[in-house]
Amino acid sequence: MAADLGGPQISALLESVPGIRNVLRSPVADAMVNMIRAAGQLRPFAYAEADELIQYAVRRGLIGATEGEQVLADVRGAESEARRRARAEKKAAGKQGRKGAQRSGTGRTPASRKAAQRKPIKKAAAKPAKKHR
C-alpha cells in the first residue's frame, strides 16, 4: 500500500526533485499566472486559459454556467474584433507608407522623377587652354 504523504514530505519532495513542481502544478494555477501576465501585457492573451479559469469558477460555484458562457462569448467577440481592427490598421498603415514614399524627396511626382532621371546629362565641353604670348 502506498503511504499518504503529509505537508512536510511533499515540501521536501518538491525541493529535492527539480522540475517536479511544474509537473504537479494545477492547470488553474498556470492559467491564473498567465492571465495576470497577459493583463500586464507581458504575454499575449490565450483564450484557453480564460476558458480554464471560467470552468474552475463554474465547478466551484463561484459563477453560474450561463454567466461563464456569456463571459467566454464576450471575450471571443472582443478578441475577434481586436484582430479585425489590427488588420484594418495594418492595411491602412501600408497604404499610408506607400503614399508617403511617393511624396518624399523633391516634391515631384513619381512620373516626373523618372522623366528627370532619363534625361541625358550634358557635360561641359573642355575648353582649350589659352596660350600666353
N, C-alpha and C. Protein backbone atom coordinates (compact mmCIF):
# COMPACT_ATOMS: atom_id res chain seq x y z
N MET A 1 0.82 -1.18 0.00
CA MET A 1 0.00 0.00 0.00
C MET A 1 0.86 1.25 0.00
N ALA A 2 0.38 2.24 -0.69
CA ALA A 2 1.11 3.50 -0.74
C ALA A 2 0.82 4.29 0.53
N ALA A 3 1.84 4.91 1.03
CA ALA A 3 1.68 5.72 2.24
C ALA A 3 1.21 7.10 1.83
N ASP A 4 0.39 7.70 2.67
CA ASP A 4 -0.06 9.07 2.42
C ASP A 4 1.07 10.03 2.76
N LEU A 5 1.25 11.01 1.89
CA LEU A 5 2.30 12.00 2.12
C LEU A 5 1.71 13.19 2.84
N GLY A 6 2.38 13.65 3.84
CA GLY A 6 1.95 14.84 4.56
C GLY A 6 2.61 16.08 3.98
N GLY A 7 2.28 17.22 4.55
CA GLY A 7 2.82 18.51 4.09
C GLY A 7 4.33 18.56 4.06
N PRO A 8 5.02 18.16 5.16
CA PRO A 8 6.49 18.24 5.14
C PRO A 8 7.11 17.32 4.09
N GLN A 9 6.52 16.14 3.88
CA GLN A 9 7.08 15.23 2.90
C GLN A 9 6.92 15.78 1.48
N ILE A 10 5.78 16.39 1.21
CA ILE A 10 5.54 16.97 -0.13
C ILE A 10 6.51 18.13 -0.36
N SER A 11 6.70 18.97 0.66
CA SER A 11 7.63 20.09 0.52
C SER A 11 9.04 19.60 0.25
N ALA A 12 9.46 18.56 0.99
CA ALA A 12 10.80 18.00 0.78
C ALA A 12 10.93 17.42 -0.62
N LEU A 13 9.89 16.75 -1.10
CA LEU A 13 9.90 16.17 -2.44
C LEU A 13 10.00 17.27 -3.50
N LEU A 14 9.22 18.34 -3.32
CA LEU A 14 9.24 19.44 -4.29
C LEU A 14 10.61 20.11 -4.34
N GLU A 15 11.30 20.19 -3.19
CA GLU A 15 12.61 20.82 -3.16
C GLU A 15 13.69 19.90 -3.70
N SER A 16 13.55 18.60 -3.52
CA SER A 16 14.61 17.68 -3.90
C SER A 16 14.60 17.29 -5.37
N VAL A 17 13.47 17.26 -6.00
CA VAL A 17 13.38 16.84 -7.40
C VAL A 17 13.14 18.07 -8.27
N PRO A 18 14.17 18.49 -9.05
CA PRO A 18 13.98 19.67 -9.88
C PRO A 18 12.93 19.44 -10.96
N GLY A 19 12.10 20.42 -11.17
CA GLY A 19 11.09 20.35 -12.22
C GLY A 19 9.80 19.68 -11.83
N ILE A 20 9.75 19.00 -10.69
CA ILE A 20 8.53 18.30 -10.31
C ILE A 20 7.43 19.30 -9.93
N ARG A 21 7.83 20.46 -9.45
CA ARG A 21 6.84 21.48 -9.08
C ARG A 21 5.99 21.85 -10.30
N ASN A 22 6.63 21.96 -11.48
CA ASN A 22 5.88 22.31 -12.68
C ASN A 22 4.96 21.18 -13.12
N VAL A 23 5.35 19.94 -12.88
CA VAL A 23 4.53 18.79 -13.27
C VAL A 23 3.31 18.68 -12.38
N LEU A 24 3.49 18.90 -11.10
CA LEU A 24 2.39 18.76 -10.15
C LEU A 24 1.52 20.01 -10.04
N ARG A 25 1.91 21.07 -10.67
CA ARG A 25 1.18 22.33 -10.56
C ARG A 25 -0.18 22.22 -11.25
N SER A 26 -1.15 22.85 -10.68
CA SER A 26 -2.51 22.82 -11.19
C SER A 26 -2.63 23.62 -12.49
N PRO A 27 -3.43 23.14 -13.45
CA PRO A 27 -3.66 23.93 -14.67
C PRO A 27 -4.34 25.25 -14.36
N VAL A 28 -5.11 25.28 -13.29
CA VAL A 28 -5.78 26.52 -12.89
C VAL A 28 -4.74 27.54 -12.42
N ALA A 29 -3.76 27.07 -11.66
CA ALA A 29 -2.71 27.97 -11.20
C ALA A 29 -1.93 28.53 -12.39
N ASP A 30 -1.61 27.69 -13.36
CA ASP A 30 -0.94 28.16 -14.57
C ASP A 30 -1.79 29.19 -15.30
N ALA A 31 -3.08 28.92 -15.41
CA ALA A 31 -3.97 29.85 -16.10
C ALA A 31 -4.03 31.19 -15.38
N MET A 32 -4.07 31.15 -14.05
CA MET A 32 -4.11 32.41 -13.29
C MET A 32 -2.84 33.23 -13.53
N VAL A 33 -1.70 32.59 -13.44
CA VAL A 33 -0.43 33.29 -13.64
C VAL A 33 -0.35 33.86 -15.05
N ASN A 34 -0.70 33.06 -16.03
CA ASN A 34 -0.62 33.52 -17.42
C ASN A 34 -1.62 34.62 -17.73
N MET A 35 -2.81 34.56 -17.14
CA MET A 35 -3.79 35.62 -17.35
C MET A 35 -3.33 36.93 -16.71
N ILE A 36 -2.69 36.84 -15.56
CA ILE A 36 -2.17 38.04 -14.92
C ILE A 36 -1.07 38.65 -15.78
N ARG A 37 -0.21 37.80 -16.33
CA ARG A 37 0.83 38.30 -17.23
C ARG A 37 0.23 38.92 -18.49
N ALA A 38 -0.83 38.32 -19.01
CA ALA A 38 -1.50 38.87 -20.19
C ALA A 38 -2.14 40.22 -19.86
N ALA A 39 -2.71 40.34 -18.66
CA ALA A 39 -3.31 41.60 -18.25
C ALA A 39 -2.25 42.69 -18.13
N GLY A 40 -1.06 42.31 -17.71
CA GLY A 40 0.04 43.25 -17.62
C GLY A 40 0.77 43.44 -18.94
N GLN A 41 0.26 42.84 -19.99
CA GLN A 41 0.81 42.89 -21.34
C GLN A 41 2.24 42.38 -21.40
N LEU A 42 2.53 41.38 -20.57
CA LEU A 42 3.83 40.73 -20.60
C LEU A 42 3.82 39.52 -21.53
N ARG A 43 2.65 39.08 -21.91
CA ARG A 43 2.49 37.96 -22.83
C ARG A 43 1.14 38.11 -23.52
N PRO A 44 0.93 37.43 -24.64
CA PRO A 44 -0.35 37.55 -25.33
C PRO A 44 -1.47 36.83 -24.57
N PHE A 45 -2.68 37.29 -24.78
CA PHE A 45 -3.85 36.67 -24.17
C PHE A 45 -4.10 35.32 -24.81
N ALA A 46 -4.45 34.34 -24.00
CA ALA A 46 -4.75 33.00 -24.51
C ALA A 46 -6.17 32.63 -24.09
N TYR A 47 -7.01 32.40 -25.08
CA TYR A 47 -8.41 32.06 -24.82
C TYR A 47 -8.53 30.79 -23.99
N ALA A 48 -7.66 29.82 -24.22
CA ALA A 48 -7.73 28.54 -23.49
C ALA A 48 -7.54 28.75 -21.99
N GLU A 49 -6.71 29.69 -21.60
CA GLU A 49 -6.50 29.96 -20.18
C GLU A 49 -7.72 30.63 -19.56
N ALA A 50 -8.35 31.52 -20.31
CA ALA A 50 -9.59 32.13 -19.82
C ALA A 50 -10.66 31.07 -19.63
N ASP A 51 -10.73 30.14 -20.58
CA ASP A 51 -11.69 29.05 -20.50
C ASP A 51 -11.43 28.19 -19.26
N GLU A 52 -10.16 27.91 -18.97
CA GLU A 52 -9.80 27.12 -17.79
C GLU A 52 -10.27 27.81 -16.51
N LEU A 53 -10.06 29.11 -16.42
CA LEU A 53 -10.48 29.84 -15.22
C LEU A 53 -12.00 29.89 -15.08
N ILE A 54 -12.70 30.05 -16.19
CA ILE A 54 -14.16 30.07 -16.15
C ILE A 54 -14.68 28.70 -15.70
N GLN A 55 -14.13 27.63 -16.25
CA GLN A 55 -14.56 26.28 -15.85
C GLN A 55 -14.31 26.06 -14.36
N TYR A 56 -13.18 26.53 -13.86
CA TYR A 56 -12.87 26.39 -12.44
C TYR A 56 -13.91 27.13 -11.60
N ALA A 57 -14.23 28.36 -12.00
CA ALA A 57 -15.20 29.16 -11.25
C ALA A 57 -16.58 28.50 -11.28
N VAL A 58 -16.96 27.92 -12.40
CA VAL A 58 -18.27 27.24 -12.51
C VAL A 58 -18.27 25.99 -11.63
N ARG A 59 -17.19 25.21 -11.67
CA ARG A 59 -17.11 23.99 -10.84
C ARG A 59 -17.20 24.31 -9.35
N ARG A 60 -16.62 25.41 -8.95
CA ARG A 60 -16.62 25.78 -7.53
C ARG A 60 -17.87 26.54 -7.12
N GLY A 61 -18.74 26.82 -8.09
CA GLY A 61 -19.97 27.54 -7.77
C GLY A 61 -19.77 29.03 -7.58
N LEU A 62 -18.64 29.55 -8.04
CA LEU A 62 -18.37 30.98 -7.90
C LEU A 62 -19.20 31.80 -8.89
N ILE A 63 -19.45 31.23 -10.06
CA ILE A 63 -20.33 31.86 -11.05
C ILE A 63 -21.21 30.76 -11.66
N GLY A 64 -22.30 31.18 -12.26
CA GLY A 64 -23.19 30.22 -12.91
C GLY A 64 -22.67 29.83 -14.28
N ALA A 65 -23.15 28.71 -14.78
CA ALA A 65 -22.71 28.21 -16.09
C ALA A 65 -23.08 29.19 -17.20
N THR A 66 -24.29 29.77 -17.13
CA THR A 66 -24.69 30.71 -18.20
C THR A 66 -23.84 31.97 -18.16
N GLU A 67 -23.51 32.44 -16.96
CA GLU A 67 -22.65 33.62 -16.87
C GLU A 67 -21.26 33.31 -17.42
N GLY A 68 -20.75 32.12 -17.12
CA GLY A 68 -19.45 31.71 -17.64
C GLY A 68 -19.44 31.66 -19.15
N GLU A 69 -20.50 31.09 -19.73
CA GLU A 69 -20.60 31.03 -21.19
C GLU A 69 -20.68 32.44 -21.80
N GLN A 70 -21.41 33.33 -21.12
CA GLN A 70 -21.53 34.70 -21.62
C GLN A 70 -20.19 35.43 -21.59
N VAL A 71 -19.43 35.24 -20.51
CA VAL A 71 -18.11 35.87 -20.41
C VAL A 71 -17.20 35.36 -21.53
N LEU A 72 -17.20 34.05 -21.75
CA LEU A 72 -16.36 33.50 -22.81
C LEU A 72 -16.78 34.00 -24.19
N ALA A 73 -18.08 34.13 -24.40
CA ALA A 73 -18.56 34.66 -25.68
C ALA A 73 -18.13 36.11 -25.85
N ASP A 74 -18.20 36.89 -24.77
CA ASP A 74 -17.75 38.29 -24.83
C ASP A 74 -16.26 38.37 -25.15
N VAL A 75 -15.49 37.51 -24.51
CA VAL A 75 -14.04 37.51 -24.74
C VAL A 75 -13.73 37.13 -26.17
N ARG A 76 -14.41 36.11 -26.67
CA ARG A 76 -14.18 35.71 -28.07
C ARG A 76 -14.55 36.83 -29.03
N GLY A 77 -15.68 37.49 -28.76
CA GLY A 77 -16.10 38.59 -29.62
C GLY A 77 -15.11 39.75 -29.58
N ALA A 78 -14.62 40.08 -28.40
CA ALA A 78 -13.65 41.16 -28.27
C ALA A 78 -12.34 40.79 -28.93
N GLU A 79 -11.95 39.53 -28.82
CA GLU A 79 -10.71 39.07 -29.42
C GLU A 79 -10.79 39.14 -30.95
N SER A 80 -11.91 38.70 -31.52
CA SER A 80 -12.04 38.74 -32.97
C SER A 80 -12.16 40.18 -33.46
N GLU A 81 -12.81 41.04 -32.69
CA GLU A 81 -12.92 42.46 -33.05
C GLU A 81 -11.54 43.11 -33.02
N ALA A 82 -10.74 42.78 -32.02
CA ALA A 82 -9.39 43.34 -31.93
C ALA A 82 -8.54 42.89 -33.11
N ARG A 83 -8.67 41.63 -33.50
CA ARG A 83 -7.92 41.14 -34.67
C ARG A 83 -8.36 41.86 -35.93
N ARG A 84 -9.66 42.06 -36.10
CA ARG A 84 -10.18 42.75 -37.28
C ARG A 84 -9.65 44.19 -37.33
N ARG A 85 -9.68 44.86 -36.18
CA ARG A 85 -9.19 46.22 -36.11
C ARG A 85 -7.69 46.29 -36.41
N ALA A 86 -6.92 45.34 -35.89
CA ALA A 86 -5.48 45.32 -36.14
C ALA A 86 -5.18 45.12 -37.61
N ARG A 87 -5.94 44.23 -38.27
CA ARG A 87 -5.75 44.03 -39.71
C ARG A 87 -6.07 45.30 -40.49
N ALA A 88 -7.15 45.98 -40.11
CA ALA A 88 -7.53 47.21 -40.80
C ALA A 88 -6.48 48.30 -40.60
N GLU A 89 -5.95 48.41 -39.38
CA GLU A 89 -4.92 49.41 -39.11
C GLU A 89 -3.64 49.10 -39.88
N LYS A 90 -3.28 47.83 -39.95
CA LYS A 90 -2.08 47.43 -40.68
C LYS A 90 -2.23 47.74 -42.16
N LYS A 91 -3.41 47.47 -42.68
CA LYS A 91 -3.68 47.74 -44.10
C LYS A 91 -3.62 49.24 -44.37
N ALA A 92 -4.21 50.04 -43.49
CA ALA A 92 -4.19 51.49 -43.65
C ALA A 92 -2.77 52.03 -43.53
N ALA A 93 -2.00 51.49 -42.61
CA ALA A 93 -0.61 51.94 -42.44
C ALA A 93 0.21 51.60 -43.67
N GLY A 94 -0.06 50.46 -44.29
CA GLY A 94 0.64 50.08 -45.51
C GLY A 94 0.34 51.04 -46.64
N LYS A 95 -0.91 51.44 -46.76
CA LYS A 95 -1.29 52.40 -47.80
C LYS A 95 -0.65 53.75 -47.54
N GLN A 96 -0.66 54.20 -46.29
CA GLN A 96 -0.06 55.48 -45.95
C GLN A 96 1.44 55.46 -46.20
N GLY A 97 2.07 54.33 -45.91
CA GLY A 97 3.50 54.19 -46.13
C GLY A 97 3.86 54.33 -47.60
N ARG A 98 3.05 53.73 -48.46
CA ARG A 98 3.32 53.83 -49.89
C ARG A 98 3.10 55.26 -50.38
N LYS A 99 2.05 55.92 -49.91
CA LYS A 99 1.80 57.30 -50.33
C LYS A 99 2.90 58.21 -49.83
N GLY A 100 3.34 58.00 -48.61
CA GLY A 100 4.41 58.82 -48.04
C GLY A 100 5.71 58.64 -48.81
N ALA A 101 5.99 57.45 -49.26
CA ALA A 101 7.21 57.18 -50.01
C ALA A 101 7.15 57.86 -51.37
N GLN A 102 5.98 57.94 -51.97
CA GLN A 102 5.84 58.59 -53.27
C GLN A 102 6.02 60.09 -53.14
N ARG A 103 5.62 60.65 -52.02
CA ARG A 103 5.67 62.10 -51.86
C ARG A 103 6.98 62.59 -51.29
N SER A 104 7.81 61.72 -50.80
CA SER A 104 9.05 62.16 -50.19
C SER A 104 10.04 62.56 -51.27
N GLY A 105 11.03 63.32 -50.87
CA GLY A 105 12.06 63.69 -51.82
C GLY A 105 11.91 65.12 -52.26
N THR A 106 11.96 65.36 -53.58
CA THR A 106 11.98 66.71 -54.12
C THR A 106 10.60 67.31 -54.28
N GLY A 107 9.57 66.59 -53.98
CA GLY A 107 8.22 67.11 -54.15
C GLY A 107 7.65 66.80 -55.52
N ARG A 108 8.42 66.14 -56.34
CA ARG A 108 7.93 65.77 -57.67
C ARG A 108 7.08 64.52 -57.59
N THR A 109 6.28 64.32 -58.59
CA THR A 109 5.51 63.08 -58.68
C THR A 109 6.45 61.97 -59.15
N PRO A 110 6.10 60.73 -58.92
CA PRO A 110 6.97 59.63 -59.37
C PRO A 110 7.25 59.68 -60.86
N ALA A 111 6.26 60.07 -61.67
CA ALA A 111 6.45 60.11 -63.13
C ALA A 111 7.47 61.18 -63.51
N SER A 112 7.39 62.36 -62.88
CA SER A 112 8.33 63.42 -63.24
C SER A 112 9.73 63.11 -62.75
N ARG A 113 9.85 62.38 -61.63
CA ARG A 113 11.18 61.97 -61.16
C ARG A 113 11.81 61.00 -62.14
N LYS A 114 11.01 60.08 -62.66
CA LYS A 114 11.54 59.12 -63.64
C LYS A 114 11.96 59.84 -64.91
N ALA A 115 11.16 60.81 -65.34
CA ALA A 115 11.49 61.56 -66.56
C ALA A 115 12.77 62.34 -66.36
N ALA A 116 12.95 62.93 -65.19
CA ALA A 116 14.16 63.69 -64.91
C ALA A 116 15.38 62.78 -64.89
N GLN A 117 15.19 61.57 -64.44
CA GLN A 117 16.31 60.63 -64.40
C GLN A 117 16.69 60.15 -65.80
N ARG A 118 15.74 60.14 -66.73
CA ARG A 118 16.01 59.63 -68.07
C ARG A 118 16.75 60.64 -68.94
N LYS A 119 16.67 61.91 -68.63
CA LYS A 119 17.31 62.92 -69.48
C LYS A 119 18.82 62.76 -69.40
N PRO A 120 19.46 62.77 -70.55
CA PRO A 120 20.92 62.65 -70.53
C PRO A 120 21.54 63.92 -69.95
N ILE A 121 22.59 63.72 -69.23
CA ILE A 121 23.28 64.85 -68.63
C ILE A 121 24.37 65.29 -69.60
N LYS A 122 24.34 66.58 -69.97
CA LYS A 122 25.34 67.11 -70.90
C LYS A 122 26.55 67.56 -70.09
N LYS A 123 27.68 67.12 -70.57
CA LYS A 123 28.92 67.53 -69.91
C LYS A 123 29.43 68.77 -70.62
N ALA A 124 29.99 69.64 -69.84
CA ALA A 124 30.55 70.87 -70.43
C ALA A 124 31.76 70.49 -71.29
N ALA A 125 31.83 71.11 -72.45
CA ALA A 125 32.94 70.83 -73.35
C ALA A 125 34.22 71.37 -72.74
N ALA A 126 35.25 70.62 -72.90
CA ALA A 126 36.55 71.05 -72.35
C ALA A 126 37.07 72.21 -73.17
N LYS A 127 37.41 73.30 -72.53
CA LYS A 127 37.93 74.49 -73.22
C LYS A 127 39.44 74.33 -73.43
N PRO A 128 39.85 74.71 -74.62
CA PRO A 128 41.31 74.61 -74.83
C PRO A 128 42.03 75.64 -73.95
N ALA A 129 43.17 75.27 -73.50
CA ALA A 129 43.94 76.16 -72.65
C ALA A 129 44.48 77.31 -73.48
N LYS A 130 44.43 78.51 -72.94
CA LYS A 130 44.94 79.68 -73.66
C LYS A 130 46.45 79.69 -73.57
N LYS A 131 47.01 80.02 -74.71
CA LYS A 131 48.46 80.11 -74.75
C LYS A 131 48.84 81.57 -74.50
N HIS A 132 49.79 81.76 -73.67
CA HIS A 132 50.26 83.10 -73.37
C HIS A 132 51.36 83.50 -74.34
N ARG A 133 51.34 84.70 -74.88
CA ARG A 133 52.36 85.15 -75.81
C ARG A 133 53.28 86.09 -75.20
